[in-house]
Amino acid sequence: MEKNTEKRNQQKLCKRCNQTFSPSSNTSSSCRFHPSFFVCRRHDDQKRYYELGPDDPPYAAKFYDCCGAEDAEASGCTTSFHVSYDDD
């Protein structure tokens, strides 16, 4: 039984948020991540991509496809359990 406890407490790396976590403390709100990609195209609900002016920076139309956050470093919009690379 000692091996099971040791395995549950072994730190793992989450492939969604790149944080280390302990499986024994992994909850449904432990991991904060974006379930989609950071893309460069117009927003579905806006014509922002086409409204960029000649002096606008090229990154002005980039955003997370899941939530529309325009900052690549924006905190994730979804929470769930951490997912380890070992879980595949």
Protein backbone atom coordinates (compact mmCIF):
# COMPACT_ATOMS: atom_id res chain seq x y z
CA MET A 1 0.00 0.00 0.00
CA GLU A 2 2.96 2.29 0.48
CA LYS A 3 3.62 2.30 -3.29
CA ASN A 4 0.04 3.45 -4.04
CA THR A 5 0.36 6.39 -1.65
CA GLU A 6 3.75 7.27 -3.09
CA LYS A 7 2.37 7.17 -6.65
CA ARG A 8 -0.64 9.36 -5.75
CA ASN A 9 1.63 12.03 -4.25
CA GLN A 10 4.20 12.04 -7.08
CA GLN A 11 4.27 15.42 -8.84
CA LYS A 12 3.13 15.40 -12.48
CA LEU A 13 3.13 18.01 -15.24
CA CYS A 14 -0.21 19.15 -16.65
CA LYS A 15 -0.27 19.24 -20.45
CA ARG A 16 -3.00 21.91 -20.47
CA CYS A 17 -1.54 24.56 -18.14
CA ASN A 18 2.09 23.37 -17.74
CA GLN A 19 1.85 23.46 -13.94
CA THR A 20 3.06 20.65 -11.71
CA PHE A 21 0.41 19.00 -9.58
CA SER A 22 -0.13 16.20 -7.14
CA PRO A 23 -2.76 13.67 -8.28
CA SER A 24 -4.06 13.41 -4.71
CA SER A 25 -5.06 17.09 -4.71
CA ASN A 26 -6.34 17.30 -8.32
CA THR A 27 -9.89 18.73 -8.34
CA SER A 28 -12.36 19.85 -11.00
CA SER A 29 -11.11 23.44 -10.60
CA SER A 30 -7.36 22.79 -10.30
CA CYS A 31 -6.44 23.53 -13.92
CA ARG A 32 -7.18 26.84 -15.68
CA PHE A 33 -6.63 26.74 -19.45
CA HIS A 34 -7.91 27.79 -22.88
CA PRO A 35 -9.57 24.83 -24.66
CA SER A 36 -8.91 26.41 -28.05
CA PHE A 37 -6.00 27.98 -29.93
CA PHE A 38 -4.67 31.53 -30.12
CA VAL A 39 -5.64 32.42 -33.69
CA CYS A 40 -5.36 35.28 -36.16
CA ARG A 41 -8.60 35.87 -38.02
CA ARG A 42 -11.72 37.98 -37.62
CA HIS A 43 -13.99 37.43 -34.65
CA ASP A 44 -17.17 35.58 -35.66
CA ASP A 45 -19.35 38.19 -33.98
CA GLN A 46 -17.37 41.24 -35.18
CA LYS A 47 -15.75 42.58 -38.30
CA ARG A 48 -12.72 43.68 -36.34
CA TYR A 49 -10.23 41.92 -38.62
CA TYR A 50 -11.42 44.00 -41.56
CA GLU A 51 -11.49 47.24 -39.56
CA LEU A 52 -7.76 47.25 -38.76
CA GLY A 53 -6.14 50.45 -39.87
CA PRO A 54 -2.80 50.72 -41.68
CA ASP A 55 -1.06 51.75 -38.43
CA ASP A 56 -2.54 48.96 -36.29
CA PRO A 57 -0.04 46.35 -35.13
CA PRO A 58 -0.27 42.98 -36.92
CA TYR A 59 -1.24 41.23 -33.67
CA ALA A 60 -4.35 43.36 -33.18
CA ALA A 61 -6.61 40.67 -34.68
CA LYS A 62 -5.17 37.74 -32.73
CA PHE A 63 -7.27 36.17 -29.97
CA TYR A 64 -8.20 32.93 -28.24
CA ASP A 65 -10.86 31.23 -30.34
CA CYS A 66 -12.63 29.92 -27.23
CA CYS A 67 -13.24 33.18 -25.35
CA GLY A 68 -12.00 36.06 -27.50
CA ALA A 69 -9.21 37.13 -25.10
CA GLU A 70 -6.71 39.12 -27.14
CA ASP A 71 -3.73 38.72 -24.80
CA ALA A 72 -1.67 35.59 -25.45
CA GLU A 73 -0.84 35.52 -21.71
CA ALA A 74 -4.50 35.80 -20.63
CA SER A 75 -5.58 33.50 -17.83
CA GLY A 76 -7.47 30.45 -19.06
CA CYS A 77 -11.22 30.70 -19.52
CA THR A 78 -12.01 27.12 -18.47
CA THR A 79 -11.32 25.11 -15.34
CA SER A 80 -11.15 21.35 -15.01
CA PHE A 81 -8.94 18.57 -13.67
CA HIS A 82 -5.24 18.65 -14.53
CA VAL A 83 -4.34 16.17 -17.29
CA SER A 84 -0.93 14.55 -17.05
CA TYR A 85 1.20 13.44 -19.97
CA ASP A 86 1.14 10.05 -18.20
CA ASP A 87 -2.66 9.84 -18.60
CA ASP A 88 -2.56 9.09 -22.34
